[in-house]
Amino acid sequence: TKIVDRKKDMILVSGFNVYPNELEEVVAHHPGVLEVAAIGVPDEHSGEVPKLFVVKKDAALTVETLMAYCRENLTGYKRPKFIEFRTELPKTPVGKILRRALRDQA
């Protein structure tokens, strides 16, 4: 599969490239997730780490449940270090998630 993502959206974890679309695709398959966006946030040890912003489909969904799901479905360096629940994600007029706005708020 070819991953198409903006270079500036790419997350660099300890020298490994992590593509937000790849994380979002995996996490979006969780039945409790309505929407998800992944960004990189600064990290002292690895340069950047993935952070997820999630809109719940299931109100009972917890950070722990989602972290466990990520442990089962993502390679170590691709797993999010942080998960933040939101009621909505910032979007362009055509409905594309604005990762830049999330980075500014992170």
Protein backbone atom coordinates (compact mmCIF):
# COMPACT_ATOMS: atom_id res chain seq x y z
CA THR A 1 0.00 0.00 0.00
CA LYS A 2 1.19 3.45 -0.85
CA ILE A 3 0.85 5.99 1.90
CA VAL A 4 0.25 9.52 0.75
CA ASP A 5 0.65 12.15 3.44
CA ARG A 6 2.03 15.64 3.67
CA LYS A 7 5.69 15.56 4.66
CA LYS A 8 5.15 18.15 7.39
CA ASP A 9 2.44 15.94 8.92
CA MET A 10 4.86 13.01 9.19
CA ILE A 11 5.91 12.13 12.74
CA LEU A 12 9.59 11.35 13.29
CA VAL A 13 9.97 8.94 16.24
CA SER A 14 13.60 8.03 17.08
CA GLY A 15 14.51 8.26 13.39
CA PHE A 16 11.47 6.26 12.21
CA ASN A 17 8.88 7.83 9.93
CA VAL A 18 5.34 7.47 11.22
CA TYR A 19 2.56 8.49 8.87
CA PRO A 20 -0.53 9.97 10.57
CA ASN A 21 -2.87 8.38 7.99
CA GLU A 22 -1.56 4.93 8.91
CA LEU A 23 -2.30 5.44 12.62
CA GLU A 24 -5.66 7.02 11.90
CA GLU A 25 -6.68 4.13 9.66
CA VAL A 26 -5.91 1.54 12.36
CA VAL A 27 -7.56 3.45 15.22
CA ALA A 28 -10.63 4.31 13.12
CA HIS A 29 -11.40 0.58 12.99
CA HIS A 30 -12.03 0.52 16.75
CA PRO A 31 -15.82 0.29 17.22
CA GLY A 32 -15.81 3.05 19.87
CA VAL A 33 -14.11 5.61 17.62
CA LEU A 34 -16.06 8.03 15.44
CA GLU A 35 -13.16 10.18 14.20
CA VAL A 36 -9.43 10.29 14.83
CA ALA A 37 -6.50 12.54 13.97
CA ALA A 38 -2.81 11.86 14.68
CA ILE A 39 -0.07 14.44 15.11
CA GLY A 40 3.49 14.46 16.41
CA VAL A 41 4.30 16.23 19.67
CA PRO A 42 7.82 17.02 20.93
CA ASP A 43 9.47 14.40 23.12
CA GLU A 44 12.75 14.70 25.01
CA HIS A 45 13.88 11.14 24.28
CA SER A 46 12.66 10.33 20.79
CA GLY A 47 12.27 13.74 19.15
CA GLU A 48 8.54 13.31 18.56
CA VAL A 49 5.82 10.94 19.71
CA PRO A 50 2.37 10.32 18.26
CA LYS A 51 -0.63 11.95 19.90
CA LEU A 52 -4.20 11.04 18.95
CA PHE A 53 -7.24 13.27 19.09
CA VAL A 54 -10.35 11.10 19.18
CA VAL A 55 -14.06 11.77 18.87
CA LYS A 56 -15.91 8.93 20.60
CA LYS A 57 -18.72 6.94 19.02
CA ASP A 58 -19.10 5.07 22.32
CA ALA A 59 -19.21 7.29 25.43
CA ALA A 60 -17.78 4.41 27.50
CA LEU A 61 -14.50 4.38 25.50
CA THR A 62 -11.47 5.05 27.75
CA VAL A 63 -7.86 6.03 27.08
CA GLU A 64 -6.78 2.68 28.58
CA THR A 65 -9.02 0.69 26.22
CA LEU A 66 -7.73 2.57 23.20
CA MET A 67 -4.09 2.27 24.32
CA ALA A 68 -4.56 -1.51 24.66
CA TYR A 69 -6.07 -1.62 21.16
CA CYS A 70 -3.05 0.31 19.82
CA ARG A 71 -0.65 -2.09 21.58
CA GLU A 72 -2.35 -4.99 19.79
CA ASN A 73 -2.49 -3.34 16.38
CA LEU A 74 0.53 -1.03 16.05
CA THR A 75 4.30 -1.53 16.16
CA GLY A 76 5.97 -0.08 19.27
CA TYR A 77 7.26 3.21 17.85
CA LYS A 78 3.93 3.89 16.10
CA ARG A 79 1.86 3.64 19.27
CA PRO A 80 0.49 6.93 20.59
CA LYS A 81 1.97 8.24 23.81
CA PHE A 82 -1.02 10.52 24.36
CA ILE A 83 -4.73 10.27 23.56
CA GLU A 84 -7.05 13.22 23.99
CA PHE A 85 -10.80 12.96 23.60
CA ARG A 86 -12.61 15.81 21.84
CA THR A 87 -16.25 16.49 21.04
CA GLU A 88 -15.20 17.45 17.50
CA LEU A 89 -12.10 17.90 15.36
CA PRO A 90 -11.24 21.12 13.49
CA LYS A 91 -12.00 20.80 9.77
CA THR A 92 -11.72 22.67 6.51
CA PRO A 93 -14.93 23.76 4.76
CA VAL A 94 -14.77 20.52 2.71
CA GLY A 95 -14.51 18.36 5.84
CA LYS A 96 -10.78 17.55 5.88
CA ILE A 97 -9.30 17.40 9.40
CA LEU A 98 -6.96 20.30 10.14
CA ARG A 99 -3.91 18.67 11.74
CA ARG A 100 -2.16 22.05 11.82
CA ALA A 101 -4.87 23.45 14.12
CA LEU A 102 -4.47 20.41 16.40
CA ARG A 103 -0.68 20.89 16.48
CA ASP A 104 -1.20 24.52 17.50
CA GLN A 105 -3.50 23.38 20.34
CA ALA A 106 -1.30 20.48 21.47
